[in-house]
Amino acid sequence: MSHVVGISEIVLWTADQQQSVAFYRDLLGMRVISPPELPNVFLQVGEGNAGIPQMIVLVPKPDAIKAQPAGYQLHHLALELPAEQFDAQHAALVAAGYQPRDGKHPVLAGRTMYVDDPDGNEVEFICRAAAA
């Protein structure tokens, strides 16, 4: 029996932290919850289920990681959107120069779209609403 009630954080390497913060904070609306003196940026995604916020953490790539081939550290991450915000998020991504890709979730009935963040990580957006 599992006692796990959610995912508390996803930690991503970033080559350009300011650009990644702009993507996750400014474009996706996540709130920075870490003090500015920390080298890593903690962004709150959701409230969580056990008093621990759901977070994405942006960690600057050290030289040893920068020397590695890009990609293949993460397949993708998926973010939940309320049905009424799906089209607005799509429009915001397009306005910011991203080209969302449509998709179909293999298990959940709903709408999905995908974009790559500034570091090439694939980000899925999903809502439970049936396609319009």
N, C-alpha and C. Protein backbone atom coordinates (compact mmCIF):
# COMPACT_ATOMS: atom_id res chain seq x y z
N MET A 1 0.84 -1.18 0.00
CA MET A 1 0.00 0.00 0.00
C MET A 1 0.89 1.24 0.00
N SER A 2 0.60 2.15 -0.90
CA SER A 2 1.39 3.36 -1.02
C SER A 2 0.84 4.45 -0.10
N HIS A 3 1.75 5.19 0.48
CA HIS A 3 1.38 6.34 1.29
C HIS A 3 1.71 7.64 0.56
N VAL A 4 2.21 7.53 -0.66
CA VAL A 4 2.56 8.70 -1.46
C VAL A 4 1.27 9.35 -1.95
N VAL A 5 1.17 10.66 -1.79
CA VAL A 5 -0.05 11.36 -2.18
C VAL A 5 0.17 12.36 -3.32
N GLY A 6 1.37 12.43 -3.85
CA GLY A 6 1.61 13.35 -4.96
C GLY A 6 3.08 13.46 -5.28
N ILE A 7 3.37 14.27 -6.26
CA ILE A 7 4.76 14.57 -6.64
C ILE A 7 5.07 15.95 -6.09
N SER A 8 6.13 16.06 -5.30
CA SER A 8 6.42 17.34 -4.71
C SER A 8 7.33 18.21 -5.55
N GLU A 9 8.25 17.64 -6.30
CA GLU A 9 9.05 18.50 -7.17
C GLU A 9 9.62 17.74 -8.35
N ILE A 10 9.79 18.47 -9.42
CA ILE A 10 10.51 18.02 -10.59
C ILE A 10 11.67 18.99 -10.73
N VAL A 11 12.88 18.47 -10.82
CA VAL A 11 14.07 19.31 -10.86
C VAL A 11 14.67 19.23 -12.27
N LEU A 12 14.87 20.40 -12.87
CA LEU A 12 15.35 20.48 -14.24
C LEU A 12 16.67 21.24 -14.32
N TRP A 13 17.61 20.71 -15.10
CA TRP A 13 18.82 21.46 -15.42
C TRP A 13 18.43 22.59 -16.34
N THR A 14 19.11 23.72 -16.22
CA THR A 14 18.86 24.82 -17.14
C THR A 14 20.16 25.49 -17.54
N ALA A 15 20.31 25.73 -18.84
CA ALA A 15 21.50 26.41 -19.35
C ALA A 15 21.37 27.92 -19.19
N ASP A 16 20.15 28.44 -19.27
CA ASP A 16 19.91 29.87 -19.12
C ASP A 16 18.76 30.02 -18.13
N GLN A 17 19.11 30.20 -16.88
CA GLN A 17 18.10 30.21 -15.82
C GLN A 17 17.09 31.34 -16.00
N GLN A 18 17.54 32.51 -16.41
CA GLN A 18 16.61 33.64 -16.59
C GLN A 18 15.57 33.33 -17.66
N GLN A 19 16.01 32.72 -18.74
CA GLN A 19 15.09 32.35 -19.81
C GLN A 19 14.09 31.29 -19.34
N SER A 20 14.57 30.32 -18.56
CA SER A 20 13.68 29.29 -18.04
C SER A 20 12.71 29.84 -17.00
N VAL A 21 13.17 30.75 -16.15
CA VAL A 21 12.28 31.39 -15.19
C VAL A 21 11.20 32.16 -15.94
N ALA A 22 11.58 32.86 -17.00
CA ALA A 22 10.59 33.60 -17.79
C ALA A 22 9.54 32.66 -18.37
N PHE A 23 9.95 31.47 -18.81
CA PHE A 23 9.01 30.50 -19.36
C PHE A 23 8.04 30.01 -18.29
N TYR A 24 8.59 29.51 -17.19
CA TYR A 24 7.74 28.91 -16.16
C TYR A 24 6.99 29.94 -15.31
N ARG A 25 7.62 31.04 -14.99
CA ARG A 25 6.96 32.06 -14.16
C ARG A 25 6.07 32.97 -14.99
N ASP A 26 6.65 33.60 -16.00
CA ASP A 26 5.93 34.63 -16.73
C ASP A 26 4.91 34.06 -17.73
N LEU A 27 5.29 33.02 -18.45
CA LEU A 27 4.39 32.47 -19.46
C LEU A 27 3.39 31.47 -18.87
N LEU A 28 3.86 30.65 -17.92
CA LEU A 28 2.96 29.63 -17.35
C LEU A 28 2.33 30.05 -16.03
N GLY A 29 2.79 31.15 -15.45
CA GLY A 29 2.15 31.68 -14.26
C GLY A 29 2.54 31.03 -12.94
N MET A 30 3.65 30.32 -12.90
CA MET A 30 4.10 29.73 -11.64
C MET A 30 4.73 30.82 -10.77
N ARG A 31 4.66 30.62 -9.48
CA ARG A 31 5.15 31.62 -8.53
C ARG A 31 6.49 31.17 -7.97
N VAL A 32 7.49 32.06 -8.01
CA VAL A 32 8.78 31.78 -7.40
C VAL A 32 8.60 31.81 -5.88
N ILE A 33 9.00 30.73 -5.20
CA ILE A 33 8.85 30.67 -3.75
C ILE A 33 10.19 30.59 -3.02
N SER A 34 11.29 30.59 -3.76
CA SER A 34 12.60 30.54 -3.12
C SER A 34 13.16 31.94 -2.97
N PRO A 35 14.01 32.14 -1.94
CA PRO A 35 14.65 33.45 -1.79
C PRO A 35 15.64 33.69 -2.93
N PRO A 36 15.81 34.94 -3.34
CA PRO A 36 16.66 35.25 -4.50
C PRO A 36 18.13 34.88 -4.34
N GLU A 37 18.60 34.71 -3.10
CA GLU A 37 20.03 34.38 -2.92
C GLU A 37 20.34 32.91 -3.19
N LEU A 38 19.33 32.06 -3.33
CA LEU A 38 19.59 30.65 -3.65
C LEU A 38 20.00 30.51 -5.11
N PRO A 39 20.91 29.59 -5.41
CA PRO A 39 21.29 29.39 -6.82
C PRO A 39 20.20 28.69 -7.62
N ASN A 40 19.36 27.89 -6.96
CA ASN A 40 18.27 27.19 -7.61
C ASN A 40 16.99 27.99 -7.44
N VAL A 41 16.12 27.95 -8.45
CA VAL A 41 14.86 28.68 -8.38
C VAL A 41 13.74 27.65 -8.21
N PHE A 42 12.98 27.80 -7.12
CA PHE A 42 11.85 26.93 -6.81
C PHE A 42 10.58 27.66 -7.22
N LEU A 43 9.81 27.04 -8.10
CA LEU A 43 8.55 27.63 -8.56
C LEU A 43 7.40 26.74 -8.11
N GLN A 44 6.38 27.35 -7.55
CA GLN A 44 5.22 26.59 -7.08
C GLN A 44 4.27 26.34 -8.24
N VAL A 45 3.94 25.05 -8.41
CA VAL A 45 3.01 24.64 -9.46
C VAL A 45 1.60 24.53 -8.89
N GLY A 46 1.50 23.88 -7.72
CA GLY A 46 0.19 23.67 -7.10
C GLY A 46 0.33 23.57 -5.60
N GLU A 47 -0.80 23.42 -4.93
CA GLU A 47 -0.83 23.38 -3.46
C GLU A 47 -0.29 22.08 -2.88
N GLY A 48 -0.42 20.97 -3.60
CA GLY A 48 -0.01 19.69 -3.05
C GLY A 48 -1.09 19.12 -2.15
N ASN A 49 -0.87 17.90 -1.67
CA ASN A 49 -1.88 17.20 -0.90
C ASN A 49 -1.53 17.00 0.57
N ALA A 50 -0.30 17.25 0.95
CA ALA A 50 0.12 16.98 2.32
C ALA A 50 0.83 18.19 2.93
N GLY A 51 0.48 19.38 2.49
CA GLY A 51 1.10 20.58 3.03
C GLY A 51 2.42 20.93 2.38
N ILE A 52 2.84 20.19 1.37
CA ILE A 52 4.08 20.46 0.65
C ILE A 52 3.69 20.92 -0.75
N PRO A 53 4.13 22.10 -1.16
CA PRO A 53 3.72 22.57 -2.49
C PRO A 53 4.31 21.70 -3.59
N GLN A 54 3.61 21.62 -4.70
CA GLN A 54 4.15 20.98 -5.90
C GLN A 54 5.06 22.01 -6.56
N MET A 55 6.27 21.58 -6.94
CA MET A 55 7.26 22.54 -7.42
C MET A 55 8.00 22.04 -8.65
N ILE A 56 8.46 23.00 -9.45
CA ILE A 56 9.49 22.77 -10.45
C ILE A 56 10.69 23.56 -9.96
N VAL A 57 11.85 22.91 -9.96
CA VAL A 57 13.08 23.54 -9.48
C VAL A 57 14.03 23.66 -10.67
N LEU A 58 14.53 24.85 -10.90
CA LEU A 58 15.46 25.11 -12.00
C LEU A 58 16.87 25.22 -11.43
N VAL A 59 17.73 24.31 -11.87
CA VAL A 59 19.10 24.21 -11.36
C VAL A 59 20.07 24.55 -12.49
N PRO A 60 20.95 25.55 -12.28
CA PRO A 60 21.92 25.89 -13.32
C PRO A 60 22.81 24.69 -13.63
N LYS A 61 23.05 24.47 -14.91
CA LYS A 61 23.92 23.37 -15.33
C LYS A 61 25.38 23.70 -14.98
N PRO A 62 26.05 22.82 -14.23
CA PRO A 62 27.48 23.02 -14.04
C PRO A 62 28.23 22.62 -15.31
N ASP A 63 29.49 23.00 -15.39
CA ASP A 63 30.27 22.73 -16.60
C ASP A 63 30.29 21.24 -16.95
N ALA A 64 30.36 20.37 -15.96
CA ALA A 64 30.40 18.93 -16.23
C ALA A 64 29.12 18.46 -16.93
N ILE A 65 28.00 19.02 -16.58
CA ILE A 65 26.74 18.67 -17.22
C ILE A 65 26.64 19.33 -18.60
N LYS A 66 27.11 20.56 -18.70
CA LYS A 66 27.09 21.25 -20.00
C LYS A 66 27.91 20.49 -21.04
N ALA A 67 28.95 19.79 -20.61
CA ALA A 67 29.81 19.04 -21.52
C ALA A 67 29.14 17.77 -22.04
N GLN A 68 28.06 17.33 -21.40
CA GLN A 68 27.35 16.12 -21.82
C GLN A 68 26.44 16.44 -23.00
N PRO A 69 26.13 15.43 -23.81
CA PRO A 69 25.17 15.66 -24.90
C PRO A 69 23.83 16.14 -24.34
N ALA A 70 23.19 17.04 -25.04
CA ALA A 70 21.90 17.58 -24.59
C ALA A 70 20.80 16.55 -24.76
N GLY A 71 19.82 16.67 -23.92
CA GLY A 71 18.63 15.84 -24.04
C GLY A 71 18.75 14.49 -23.37
N TYR A 72 17.68 13.76 -23.41
CA TYR A 72 17.60 12.39 -22.94
C TYR A 72 17.69 12.23 -21.44
N GLN A 73 17.64 13.33 -20.67
CA GLN A 73 17.58 13.20 -19.23
C GLN A 73 16.14 13.05 -18.77
N LEU A 74 15.20 13.56 -19.54
CA LEU A 74 13.81 13.60 -19.16
C LEU A 74 12.98 13.34 -20.42
N HIS A 75 12.01 12.44 -20.33
CA HIS A 75 11.14 12.22 -21.49
C HIS A 75 10.24 13.44 -21.67
N HIS A 76 9.44 13.76 -20.67
CA HIS A 76 8.66 14.99 -20.65
C HIS A 76 8.03 15.15 -19.28
N LEU A 77 7.53 16.34 -19.01
CA LEU A 77 6.75 16.56 -17.81
C LEU A 77 5.38 17.04 -18.25
N ALA A 78 4.37 16.71 -17.46
CA ALA A 78 3.00 17.08 -17.81
C ALA A 78 2.43 17.98 -16.73
N LEU A 79 1.78 19.05 -17.16
CA LEU A 79 1.16 20.01 -16.25
C LEU A 79 -0.34 20.00 -16.48
N GLU A 80 -1.09 20.00 -15.41
CA GLU A 80 -2.54 19.99 -15.48
C GLU A 80 -3.06 21.42 -15.63
N LEU A 81 -3.99 21.59 -16.54
CA LEU A 81 -4.66 22.87 -16.72
C LEU A 81 -6.15 22.69 -16.47
N PRO A 82 -6.80 23.69 -15.86
CA PRO A 82 -8.26 23.66 -15.82
C PRO A 82 -8.79 23.76 -17.25
N ALA A 83 -9.88 23.10 -17.52
CA ALA A 83 -10.44 23.10 -18.88
C ALA A 83 -10.66 24.51 -19.41
N GLU A 84 -11.10 25.41 -18.54
CA GLU A 84 -11.41 26.77 -18.99
C GLU A 84 -10.15 27.59 -19.29
N GLN A 85 -8.98 27.10 -18.94
CA GLN A 85 -7.72 27.82 -19.19
C GLN A 85 -6.91 27.24 -20.35
N PHE A 86 -7.35 26.12 -20.89
CA PHE A 86 -6.57 25.43 -21.93
C PHE A 86 -6.34 26.32 -23.15
N ASP A 87 -7.42 26.88 -23.70
CA ASP A 87 -7.28 27.69 -24.91
C ASP A 87 -6.48 28.97 -24.65
N ALA A 88 -6.64 29.57 -23.48
CA ALA A 88 -5.88 30.77 -23.14
C ALA A 88 -4.39 30.46 -23.03
N GLN A 89 -4.04 29.30 -22.46
CA GLN A 89 -2.63 28.93 -22.36
C GLN A 89 -2.07 28.67 -23.75
N HIS A 90 -2.84 28.02 -24.60
CA HIS A 90 -2.42 27.78 -25.99
C HIS A 90 -2.12 29.12 -26.68
N ALA A 91 -3.04 30.07 -26.54
CA ALA A 91 -2.87 31.39 -27.17
C ALA A 91 -1.63 32.11 -26.61
N ALA A 92 -1.39 32.00 -25.31
CA ALA A 92 -0.22 32.65 -24.70
C ALA A 92 1.07 32.04 -25.22
N LEU A 93 1.10 30.74 -25.39
CA LEU A 93 2.29 30.07 -25.93
C LEU A 93 2.55 30.53 -27.36
N VAL A 94 1.52 30.58 -28.17
CA VAL A 94 1.65 31.03 -29.56
C VAL A 94 2.13 32.49 -29.60
N ALA A 95 1.54 33.33 -28.76
CA ALA A 95 1.92 34.74 -28.72
C ALA A 95 3.38 34.92 -28.31
N ALA A 96 3.91 33.98 -27.50
CA ALA A 96 5.30 34.05 -27.06
C ALA A 96 6.26 33.39 -28.05
N GLY A 97 5.73 32.92 -29.19
CA GLY A 97 6.59 32.37 -30.23
C GLY A 97 6.75 30.86 -30.20
N TYR A 98 6.00 30.18 -29.36
CA TYR A 98 6.05 28.72 -29.30
C TYR A 98 5.03 28.15 -30.28
N GLN A 99 5.26 26.92 -30.72
CA GLN A 99 4.34 26.25 -31.63
C GLN A 99 3.81 24.99 -30.94
N PRO A 100 2.72 25.12 -30.18
CA PRO A 100 2.18 23.94 -29.48
C PRO A 100 1.83 22.83 -30.46
N ARG A 101 2.18 21.61 -30.03
CA ARG A 101 1.86 20.42 -30.81
C ARG A 101 0.68 19.72 -30.14
N ASP A 102 -0.29 19.31 -30.93
CA ASP A 102 -1.43 18.58 -30.40
C ASP A 102 -1.02 17.16 -30.05
N GLY A 103 -1.79 16.57 -29.17
CA GLY A 103 -1.56 15.18 -28.81
C GLY A 103 -2.82 14.57 -28.25
N LYS A 104 -2.76 13.30 -27.98
CA LYS A 104 -3.87 12.59 -27.36
C LYS A 104 -3.30 11.73 -26.25
N HIS A 105 -3.79 11.93 -25.05
CA HIS A 105 -3.32 11.15 -23.92
C HIS A 105 -3.82 9.72 -24.07
N PRO A 106 -2.97 8.73 -23.84
CA PRO A 106 -3.38 7.34 -24.06
C PRO A 106 -4.33 6.78 -23.00
N VAL A 107 -4.48 7.46 -21.87
CA VAL A 107 -5.29 6.94 -20.77
C VAL A 107 -6.44 7.88 -20.42
N LEU A 108 -6.16 9.16 -20.35
CA LEU A 108 -7.15 10.14 -19.90
C LEU A 108 -7.88 10.76 -21.08
N ALA A 109 -9.19 10.89 -20.97
CA ALA A 109 -9.95 11.61 -21.98
C ALA A 109 -9.76 13.09 -21.71
N GLY A 110 -9.35 13.81 -22.69
CA GLY A 110 -9.14 15.23 -22.50
C GLY A 110 -8.40 15.84 -23.65
N ARG A 111 -7.88 17.01 -23.41
CA ARG A 111 -7.12 17.75 -24.41
C ARG A 111 -5.67 17.82 -23.97
N THR A 112 -4.76 17.73 -24.91
CA THR A 112 -3.34 17.86 -24.60
C THR A 112 -2.66 18.69 -25.68
N MET A 113 -1.57 19.31 -25.28
CA MET A 113 -0.68 20.00 -26.21
C MET A 113 0.73 19.93 -25.61
N TYR A 114 1.72 20.09 -26.47
CA TYR A 114 3.11 19.97 -26.06
C TYR A 114 3.91 21.13 -26.62
N VAL A 115 4.89 21.61 -25.83
CA VAL A 115 5.91 22.56 -26.31
C VAL A 115 7.22 22.16 -25.67
N ASP A 116 8.31 22.66 -26.21
CA ASP A 116 9.61 22.46 -25.60
C ASP A 116 9.97 23.72 -24.85
N ASP A 117 10.44 23.57 -23.59
CA ASP A 117 10.85 24.74 -22.82
C ASP A 117 12.19 25.25 -23.36
N PRO A 118 12.72 26.35 -22.83
CA PRO A 118 13.96 26.90 -23.37
C PRO A 118 15.16 25.95 -23.34
N ASP A 119 15.13 24.92 -22.50
CA ASP A 119 16.23 23.96 -22.46
C ASP A 119 15.93 22.69 -23.24
N GLY A 120 14.83 22.67 -23.98
CA GLY A 120 14.50 21.52 -24.81
C GLY A 120 13.70 20.44 -24.10
N ASN A 121 13.29 20.67 -22.86
CA ASN A 121 12.45 19.70 -22.16
C ASN A 121 11.04 19.79 -22.71
N GLU A 122 10.47 18.65 -23.06
CA GLU A 122 9.10 18.65 -23.56
C GLU A 122 8.13 18.83 -22.39
N VAL A 123 7.23 19.80 -22.53
CA VAL A 123 6.23 20.09 -21.50
C VAL A 123 4.86 19.82 -22.11
N GLU A 124 4.13 18.92 -21.46
CA GLU A 124 2.77 18.59 -21.88
C GLU A 124 1.80 19.38 -21.02
N PHE A 125 0.74 19.84 -21.62
CA PHE A 125 -0.36 20.49 -20.90
C PHE A 125 -1.58 19.62 -21.14
N ILE A 126 -2.28 19.32 -20.07
CA ILE A 126 -3.42 18.41 -20.18
C ILE A 126 -4.59 18.91 -19.35
N CYS A 127 -5.78 18.76 -19.89
CA CYS A 127 -6.99 19.03 -19.12
C CYS A 127 -7.98 17.90 -19.39
N ARG A 128 -8.89 17.73 -18.50
CA ARG A 128 -9.85 16.63 -18.59
C ARG A 128 -10.99 16.89 -19.56
N ALA A 129 -11.18 18.09 -20.00
CA ALA A 129 -12.29 18.42 -20.88
C ALA A 129 -12.16 17.69 -22.21
N ALA A 130 -13.26 17.24 -22.74
CA ALA A 130 -13.25 16.63 -24.06
C ALA A 130 -12.90 17.68 -25.11
N ALA A 131 -12.30 17.24 -26.18
CA ALA A 131 -11.93 18.17 -27.25
C ALA A 131 -13.17 18.88 -27.79
N ALA A 132 -13.00 20.15 -28.05
CA ALA A 132 -14.13 20.97 -28.54
C ALA A 132 -14.38 20.69 -30.00
